[in-house]
Amino acid sequence: MATGESMSVATKLPLTAGLAARLSRWAFALLAVLAMGALFPSIARADGISVRNATLQLADDGWQLEAQFDMQFNARLEEAVNRGVPLFFVVEFEISRPRWYWFDEKPIQASQVYKISYTPLLRQYRLSVGNLYQNFTRFEEVTRVLSRLRGWHVADKGAFRKDQVYQAALRMRLDTAQLPKPFQLNAIASRDWTLESDWHRWSITP
C-alpha cells in the first residue's frame, strides 16, 4: 500500500507543477501589459471625445450651459492641422420633454462650431468661434481650451414650463463634411478621422 500511495502522489505532482507554471506565465504577461500602460499611456488610452460633466444654470440673461470634455487627439489630426488643414468641431445641445401622446417636444436645439487652424508664418494655432478667436503657441493649449465650455447662452429665462421634467443632451463631434475633399475620402476610409462623443443626457426641472 505504501508503494501505491507514493505512486499516486508522484502522478499528481507534474499536474500541479504544470498548472503553477501556466499561472506564472499568465501573471507575467499581465504585469507586462500593465507596465506598457504605465510607460506608454498614449497606447493604453483610446483616441476620442467624451463628456465629463455638464450643467445648465440660470443667469441674469437666461440659461447658460457649462461643460467639460475629455479630448484625446491622434497624431494624424495634429499633423493635418500643422499642414494647413483646418478642423471644425460642432457642439450640439438640445432640450426635450417627453409626451406620451406624441413625439417628444424639443423647445431648444442649439449648436456651436469651433475651428482649429494653424498659421505657419506666425507659428500660431488659432481657435475661433464665429468672429471671436484666440491664438496659441502649442496644440495642447488649443485642445485644453476647447475641452472647457463656459457660459454658452442656450435659452431665455421663460423657455421652460415650471415643475416640468426636461431631458438635456450634449455632444461634440469633428465635422468631417467641412474637411477638404481629399480628406473627406480619408475620413470615410480611416477611423483616425472619426472623433465624436456619445450623447450625454441628464434630467432638469426648472
C-alpha atoms as a PDB file:
ATOM      1  CA  MET A   1       0.000   0.000   0.000  1.00  0.00           C
ATOM      2  CA  ALA A   2       2.814   2.378   0.762  1.00  0.00           C
ATOM      3  CA  THR A   3       4.155   1.877  -2.733  1.00  0.00           C
ATOM      4  CA  GLY A   4       0.739   2.615  -4.291  1.00  0.00           C
ATOM      5  CA  GLU A   5       0.300   5.822  -2.303  1.00  0.00           C
ATOM      6  CA  SER A   6       3.732   7.074  -3.340  1.00  0.00           C
ATOM      7  CA  MET A   7       2.936   6.365  -6.989  1.00  0.00           C
ATOM      8  CA  SER A   8      -0.373   8.258  -6.697  1.00  0.00           C
ATOM      9  CA  VAL A   9       1.355  11.294  -5.223  1.00  0.00           C
ATOM     10  CA  ALA A  10       4.042  11.111  -7.870  1.00  0.00           C
ATOM     11  CA  THR A  11       1.490  11.182 -10.689  1.00  0.00           C
ATOM     12  CA  LYS A  12      -0.233  14.298  -9.280  1.00  0.00           C
ATOM     13  CA  LEU A  13       2.914  16.354  -8.792  1.00  0.00           C
ATOM     14  CA  PRO A  14       3.579  17.005 -12.519  1.00  0.00           C
ATOM     15  CA  LEU A  15      -0.001  18.307 -12.992  1.00  0.00           C
ATOM     16  CA  THR A  16       0.337  20.721 -10.087  1.00  0.00           C
ATOM     17  CA  ALA A  17       3.694  21.930 -11.303  1.00  0.00           C
ATOM     18  CA  GLY A  18       2.335  22.442 -14.838  1.00  0.00           C
ATOM     19  CA  LEU A  19      -0.610  24.470 -13.561  1.00  0.00           C
ATOM     20  CA  ALA A  20       1.712  26.612 -11.469  1.00  0.00           C
ATOM     21  CA  ALA A  21       3.904  27.228 -14.497  1.00  0.00           C
ATOM     22  CA  ARG A  22       0.915  28.355 -16.589  1.00  0.00           C
ATOM     23  CA  LEU A  23      -0.317  30.668 -13.837  1.00  0.00           C
ATOM     24  CA  SER A  24       3.154  32.127 -13.554  1.00  0.00           C
ATOM     25  CA  ARG A  25       3.244  32.857 -17.295  1.00  0.00           C
ATOM     26  CA  TRP A  26      -0.212  34.497 -17.168  1.00  0.00           C
ATOM     27  CA  ALA A  27       0.821  36.656 -14.228  1.00  0.00           C
ATOM     28  CA  PHE A  28       3.995  37.720 -16.041  1.00  0.00           C
ATOM     29  CA  ALA A  29       2.012  38.616 -19.172  1.00  0.00           C
ATOM     30  CA  LEU A  30      -0.464  40.671 -17.121  1.00  0.00           C
ATOM     31  CA  LEU A  31       2.360  42.548 -15.417  1.00  0.00           C
ATOM     32  CA  ALA A  32       3.926  43.243 -18.800  1.00  0.00           C
ATOM     33  CA  VAL A  33       0.665  44.741 -20.112  1.00  0.00           C
ATOM     34  CA  LEU A  34       0.293  46.934 -17.033  1.00  0.00           C
ATOM     35  CA  ALA A  35       3.896  48.069 -17.360  1.00  0.00           C
ATOM     36  CA  MET A  36       3.345  49.006 -21.005  1.00  0.00           C
ATOM     37  CA  GLY A  37       0.305  51.064 -19.998  1.00  0.00           C
ATOM     38  CA  ALA A  38       2.349  52.904 -17.378  1.00  0.00           C
ATOM     39  CA  LEU A  39       5.305  53.569 -19.671  1.00  0.00           C
ATOM     40  CA  PHE A  40       3.259  54.402 -22.780  1.00  0.00           C
ATOM     41  CA  PRO A  41      -0.060  55.882 -21.665  1.00  0.00           C
ATOM     42  CA  SER A  42      -0.919  57.050 -25.186  1.00  0.00           C
ATOM     43  CA  ILE A  43      -1.035  53.395 -26.267  1.00  0.00           C
ATOM     44  CA  ALA A  44      -3.328  52.372 -23.445  1.00  0.00           C
ATOM     45  CA  ARG A  45      -5.655  55.358 -23.967  1.00  0.00           C
ATOM     46  CA  ALA A  46      -8.126  55.426 -26.826  1.00  0.00           C
ATOM     47  CA  ASP A  47      -8.462  58.488 -29.034  1.00  0.00           C
ATOM     48  CA  GLY A  48     -11.804  60.232 -28.889  1.00  0.00           C
ATOM     49  CA  ILE A  49     -14.112  62.652 -27.087  1.00  0.00           C
ATOM     50  CA  SER A  50     -16.270  62.085 -24.043  1.00  0.00           C
ATOM     51  CA  VAL A  51     -18.404  64.411 -21.945  1.00  0.00           C
ATOM     52  CA  ARG A  52     -17.084  64.502 -18.388  1.00  0.00           C
ATOM     53  CA  ASN A  53     -19.824  66.691 -16.936  1.00  0.00           C
ATOM     54  CA  ALA A  54     -22.403  69.263 -17.999  1.00  0.00           C
ATOM     55  CA  THR A  55     -24.698  71.663 -16.147  1.00  0.00           C
ATOM     56  CA  LEU A  56     -27.414  74.130 -17.119  1.00  0.00           C
ATOM     57  CA  GLN A  57     -27.518  77.248 -14.920  1.00  0.00           C
ATOM     58  CA  LEU A  58     -29.884  80.189 -14.729  1.00  0.00           C
ATOM     59  CA  ALA A  59     -28.146  83.557 -15.150  1.00  0.00           C
ATOM     60  CA  ASP A  60     -29.371  87.148 -15.472  1.00  0.00           C
ATOM     61  CA  ASP A  61     -29.770  86.898 -19.243  1.00  0.00           C
ATOM     62  CA  GLY A  62     -31.143  83.353 -19.362  1.00  0.00           C
ATOM     63  CA  TRP A  63     -29.944  79.762 -19.213  1.00  0.00           C
ATOM     64  CA  GLN A  64     -26.244  79.080 -19.678  1.00  0.00           C
ATOM     65  CA  LEU A  65     -24.529  75.792 -20.420  1.00  0.00           C
ATOM     66  CA  GLU A  66     -21.200  74.764 -18.939  1.00  0.00           C
ATOM     67  CA  ALA A  67     -19.418  71.521 -19.718  1.00  0.00           C
ATOM     68  CA  GLN A  68     -16.115  69.694 -19.528  1.00  0.00           C
ATOM     69  CA  PHE A  69     -14.934  67.291 -22.232  1.00  0.00           C
ATOM     70  CA  ASP A  70     -12.187  64.688 -22.261  1.00  0.00           C
ATOM     71  CA  MET A  71     -10.394  65.021 -25.606  1.00  0.00           C
ATOM     72  CA  GLN A  72      -7.635  62.765 -26.918  1.00  0.00           C
ATOM     73  CA  PHE A  73      -6.316  63.550 -30.405  1.00  0.00           C
ATOM     74  CA  ASN A  74      -4.339  61.111 -32.513  1.00  0.00           C
ATOM     75  CA  ALA A  75      -1.136  62.202 -34.224  1.00  0.00           C
ATOM     76  CA  ARG A  76      -2.726  62.260 -37.692  1.00  0.00           C
ATOM     77  CA  LEU A  77      -5.180  65.033 -36.783  1.00  0.00           C
ATOM     78  CA  GLU A  78      -2.470  67.220 -35.274  1.00  0.00           C
ATOM     79  CA  GLU A  79      -0.268  66.623 -38.333  1.00  0.00           C
ATOM     80  CA  ALA A  80      -3.122  67.654 -40.630  1.00  0.00           C
ATOM     81  CA  VAL A  81      -3.563  70.938 -38.743  1.00  0.00           C
ATOM     82  CA  ASN A  82       0.178  71.619 -38.943  1.00  0.00           C
ATOM     83  CA  ARG A  83      -0.040  71.164 -42.712  1.00  0.00           C
ATOM     84  CA  GLY A  84      -2.766  73.763 -43.026  1.00  0.00           C
ATOM     85  CA  VAL A  85      -5.926  71.662 -42.808  1.00  0.00           C
ATOM     86  CA  PRO A  86      -8.495  73.341 -40.523  1.00  0.00           C
ATOM     87  CA  LEU A  87     -10.567  71.183 -38.193  1.00  0.00           C
ATOM     88  CA  PHE A  88     -14.167  72.041 -37.352  1.00  0.00           C
ATOM     89  CA  PHE A  89     -15.774  70.771 -34.159  1.00  0.00           C
ATOM     90  CA  VAL A  90     -19.503  71.040 -33.582  1.00  0.00           C
ATOM     91  CA  VAL A  91     -21.019  71.178 -30.095  1.00  0.00           C
ATOM     92  CA  GLU A  92     -24.688  70.191 -30.192  1.00  0.00           C
ATOM     93  CA  PHE A  93     -27.180  70.747 -27.378  1.00  0.00           C
ATOM     94  CA  GLU A  94     -30.879  70.044 -27.134  1.00  0.00           C
ATOM     95  CA  ILE A  95     -33.683  70.033 -24.588  1.00  0.00           C
ATOM     96  CA  SER A  96     -36.644  67.708 -24.929  1.00  0.00           C
ATOM     97  CA  ARG A  97     -39.797  66.996 -22.936  1.00  0.00           C
ATOM     98  CA  PRO A  98     -41.365  63.525 -23.186  1.00  0.00           C
ATOM     99  CA  ARG A  99     -45.014  63.378 -24.298  1.00  0.00           C
ATOM    100  CA  TRP A 100     -46.903  60.105 -24.079  1.00  0.00           C
ATOM    101  CA  TYR A 101     -49.418  61.067 -26.780  1.00  0.00           C
ATOM    102  CA  TRP A 102     -46.998  62.385 -29.427  1.00  0.00           C
ATOM    103  CA  PHE A 103     -43.330  62.839 -30.305  1.00  0.00           C
ATOM    104  CA  ASP A 104     -41.098  64.447 -27.666  1.00  0.00           C
ATOM    105  CA  GLU A 105     -41.247  68.214 -27.580  1.00  0.00           C
ATOM    106  CA  LYS A 106     -37.890  69.860 -28.317  1.00  0.00           C
ATOM    107  CA  PRO A 107     -38.115  73.518 -27.293  1.00  0.00           C
ATOM    108  CA  ILE A 108     -34.354  74.071 -27.559  1.00  0.00           C
ATOM    109  CA  GLN A 109     -31.880  72.926 -30.196  1.00  0.00           C
ATOM    110  CA  ALA A 110     -28.570  74.763 -30.436  1.00  0.00           C
ATOM    111  CA  SER A 111     -25.160  74.206 -31.981  1.00  0.00           C
ATOM    112  CA  GLN A 112     -21.825  75.972 -31.971  1.00  0.00           C
ATOM    113  CA  VAL A 113     -18.901  75.472 -34.371  1.00  0.00           C
ATOM    114  CA  TYR A 114     -15.258  75.739 -33.279  1.00  0.00           C
ATOM    115  CA  LYS A 115     -12.454  75.972 -35.824  1.00  0.00           C
ATOM    116  CA  ILE A 116      -8.822  74.969 -35.208  1.00  0.00           C
ATOM    117  CA  SER A 117      -6.304  76.324 -37.702  1.00  0.00           C
ATOM    118  CA  TYR A 118      -2.551  76.921 -37.932  1.00  0.00           C
ATOM    119  CA  THR A 119      -0.518  79.791 -39.432  1.00  0.00           C
ATOM    120  CA  PRO A 120       2.999  78.543 -40.340  1.00  0.00           C
ATOM    121  CA  LEU A 121       4.374  82.050 -40.863  1.00  0.00           C
ATOM    122  CA  LEU A 122       3.497  83.078 -37.297  1.00  0.00           C
ATOM    123  CA  ARG A 123       3.769  79.557 -35.881  1.00  0.00           C
ATOM    124  CA  GLN A 124       0.471  80.062 -34.144  1.00  0.00           C
ATOM    125  CA  TYR A 125      -2.607  77.942 -33.654  1.00  0.00           C
ATOM    126  CA  ARG A 126      -5.977  79.665 -33.667  1.00  0.00           C
ATOM    127  CA  LEU A 127      -9.228  78.580 -32.052  1.00  0.00           C
ATOM    128  CA  SER A 128     -12.195  80.544 -33.369  1.00  0.00           C
ATOM    129  CA  VAL A 129     -15.957  80.515 -32.900  1.00  0.00           C
ATOM    130  CA  GLY A 130     -17.878  82.973 -35.054  1.00  0.00           C
ATOM    131  CA  ASN A 131     -15.964  86.256 -35.144  1.00  0.00           C
ATOM    132  CA  LEU A 132     -14.143  85.541 -31.879  1.00  0.00           C
ATOM    133  CA  TYR A 133     -10.738  83.867 -31.788  1.00  0.00           C
ATOM    134  CA  GLN A 134      -7.743  83.192 -29.570  1.00  0.00           C
ATOM    135  CA  ASN A 135      -4.160  82.383 -30.595  1.00  0.00           C
ATOM    136  CA  PHE A 136      -1.896  79.753 -29.040  1.00  0.00           C
ATOM    137  CA  THR A 137       1.677  78.577 -29.473  1.00  0.00           C
ATOM    138  CA  ARG A 138       1.051  74.894 -28.728  1.00  0.00           C
ATOM    139  CA  PHE A 139      -1.577  72.474 -29.972  1.00  0.00           C
ATOM    140  CA  GLU A 140      -2.152  71.145 -26.447  1.00  0.00           C
ATOM    141  CA  GLU A 141      -3.228  74.620 -25.343  1.00  0.00           C
ATOM    142  CA  VAL A 142      -5.880  74.703 -28.062  1.00  0.00           C
ATOM    143  CA  THR A 143      -7.377  71.378 -27.079  1.00  0.00           C
ATOM    144  CA  ARG A 144      -7.334  72.323 -23.400  1.00  0.00           C
ATOM    145  CA  VAL A 145      -9.412  75.451 -24.051  1.00  0.00           C
ATOM    146  CA  LEU A 146     -11.688  73.601 -26.476  1.00  0.00           C
ATOM    147  CA  SER A 147     -12.424  70.991 -23.811  1.00  0.00           C
ATOM    148  CA  ARG A 148     -13.949  73.609 -21.482  1.00  0.00           C
ATOM    149  CA  LEU A 149     -17.313  75.099 -22.397  1.00  0.00           C
ATOM    150  CA  ARG A 150     -18.223  78.158 -20.321  1.00  0.00           C
ATOM    151  CA  GLY A 151     -21.230  80.481 -20.295  1.00  0.00           C
ATOM    152  CA  TRP A 152     -22.915  79.370 -23.522  1.00  0.00           C
ATOM    153  CA  HIS A 153     -26.316  81.092 -23.657  1.00  0.00           C
ATOM    154  CA  VAL A 154     -28.760  78.460 -24.906  1.00  0.00           C
ATOM    155  CA  ALA A 155     -32.196  79.688 -23.776  1.00  0.00           C
ATOM    156  CA  ASP A 156     -34.092  82.679 -22.440  1.00  0.00           C
ATOM    157  CA  LYS A 157     -35.482  82.678 -18.920  1.00  0.00           C
ATOM    158  CA  GLY A 158     -39.016  81.830 -19.983  1.00  0.00           C
ATOM    159  CA  ALA A 159     -38.085  78.927 -22.247  1.00  0.00           C
ATOM    160  CA  PHE A 160     -39.256  76.251 -19.793  1.00  0.00           C
ATOM    161  CA  ARG A 161     -42.504  75.485 -18.020  1.00  0.00           C
ATOM    162  CA  LYS A 162     -42.312  75.321 -14.266  1.00  0.00           C
ATOM    163  CA  ASP A 163     -42.447  71.960 -12.487  1.00  0.00           C
ATOM    164  CA  GLN A 164     -41.896  70.083 -15.738  1.00  0.00           C
ATOM    165  CA  VAL A 165     -39.161  67.487 -16.206  1.00  0.00           C
ATOM    166  CA  TYR A 166     -36.927  68.025 -19.236  1.00  0.00           C
ATOM    167  CA  GLN A 167     -34.172  65.913 -20.752  1.00  0.00           C
ATOM    168  CA  ALA A 168     -30.941  67.684 -21.714  1.00  0.00           C
ATOM    169  CA  ALA A 169     -28.480  66.196 -24.201  1.00  0.00           C
ATOM    170  CA  LEU A 170     -24.997  67.320 -25.253  1.00  0.00           C
ATOM    171  CA  ARG A 171     -22.301  66.045 -27.562  1.00  0.00           C
ATOM    172  CA  MET A 172     -19.224  67.177 -29.523  1.00  0.00           C
ATOM    173  CA  ARG A 173     -18.023  65.838 -32.873  1.00  0.00           C
ATOM    174  CA  LEU A 174     -15.483  66.501 -35.591  1.00  0.00           C
ATOM    175  CA  ASP A 175     -17.378  67.733 -38.646  1.00  0.00           C
ATOM    176  CA  THR A 176     -15.740  65.802 -41.469  1.00  0.00           C
ATOM    177  CA  ALA A 177     -18.126  67.374 -44.009  1.00  0.00           C
ATOM    178  CA  GLN A 178     -16.141  70.641 -43.717  1.00  0.00           C
ATOM    179  CA  LEU A 179     -12.800  68.986 -44.483  1.00  0.00           C
ATOM    180  CA  PRO A 180     -11.208  69.444 -47.937  1.00  0.00           C
ATOM    181  CA  LYS A 181     -12.484  66.835 -50.392  1.00  0.00           C
ATOM    182  CA  PRO A 182      -9.407  64.527 -50.324  1.00  0.00           C
ATOM    183  CA  PHE A 183      -9.567  64.420 -46.530  1.00  0.00           C
ATOM    184  CA  GLN A 184     -13.279  63.654 -46.622  1.00  0.00           C
ATOM    185  CA  LEU A 185     -12.415  60.476 -48.542  1.00  0.00           C
ATOM    186  CA  ASN A 186      -9.785  59.630 -45.938  1.00  0.00           C
ATOM    187  CA  ALA A 187     -12.353  60.194 -43.206  1.00  0.00           C
ATOM    188  CA  ILE A 188     -14.638  57.606 -44.780  1.00  0.00           C
ATOM    189  CA  ALA A 189     -11.867  55.012 -45.063  1.00  0.00           C
ATOM    190  CA  SER A 190      -9.996  55.633 -41.787  1.00  0.00           C
ATOM    191  CA  ARG A 191     -11.117  55.599 -38.165  1.00  0.00           C
ATOM    192  CA  ASP A 192      -8.464  58.226 -37.371  1.00  0.00           C
ATOM    193  CA  TRP A 193     -10.920  60.875 -38.537  1.00  0.00           C
ATOM    194  CA  THR A 194     -13.847  59.566 -36.503  1.00  0.00           C
ATOM    195  CA  LEU A 195     -13.887  61.758 -33.433  1.00  0.00           C
ATOM    196  CA  GLU A 196     -17.180  62.281 -31.630  1.00  0.00           C
ATOM    197  CA  SER A 197     -18.665  61.802 -28.212  1.00  0.00           C
ATOM    198  CA  ASP A 198     -21.800  59.904 -27.295  1.00  0.00           C
ATOM    199  CA  TRP A 199     -24.814  61.926 -26.274  1.00  0.00           C
ATOM    200  CA  HIS A 200     -24.504  62.930 -22.623  1.00  0.00           C
ATOM    201  CA  ARG A 201     -28.021  63.066 -21.149  1.00  0.00           C
ATOM    202  CA  TRP A 202     -29.384  64.330 -17.853  1.00  0.00           C
ATOM    203  CA  SER A 203     -32.684  65.493 -16.381  1.00  0.00           C
ATOM    204  CA  ILE A 204     -33.530  69.059 -15.316  1.00  0.00           C
ATOM    205  CA  THR A 205     -36.556  70.536 -13.535  1.00  0.00           C
ATOM    206  CA  PRO A 206     -36.618  74.364 -13.877  1.00  0.00           C
END
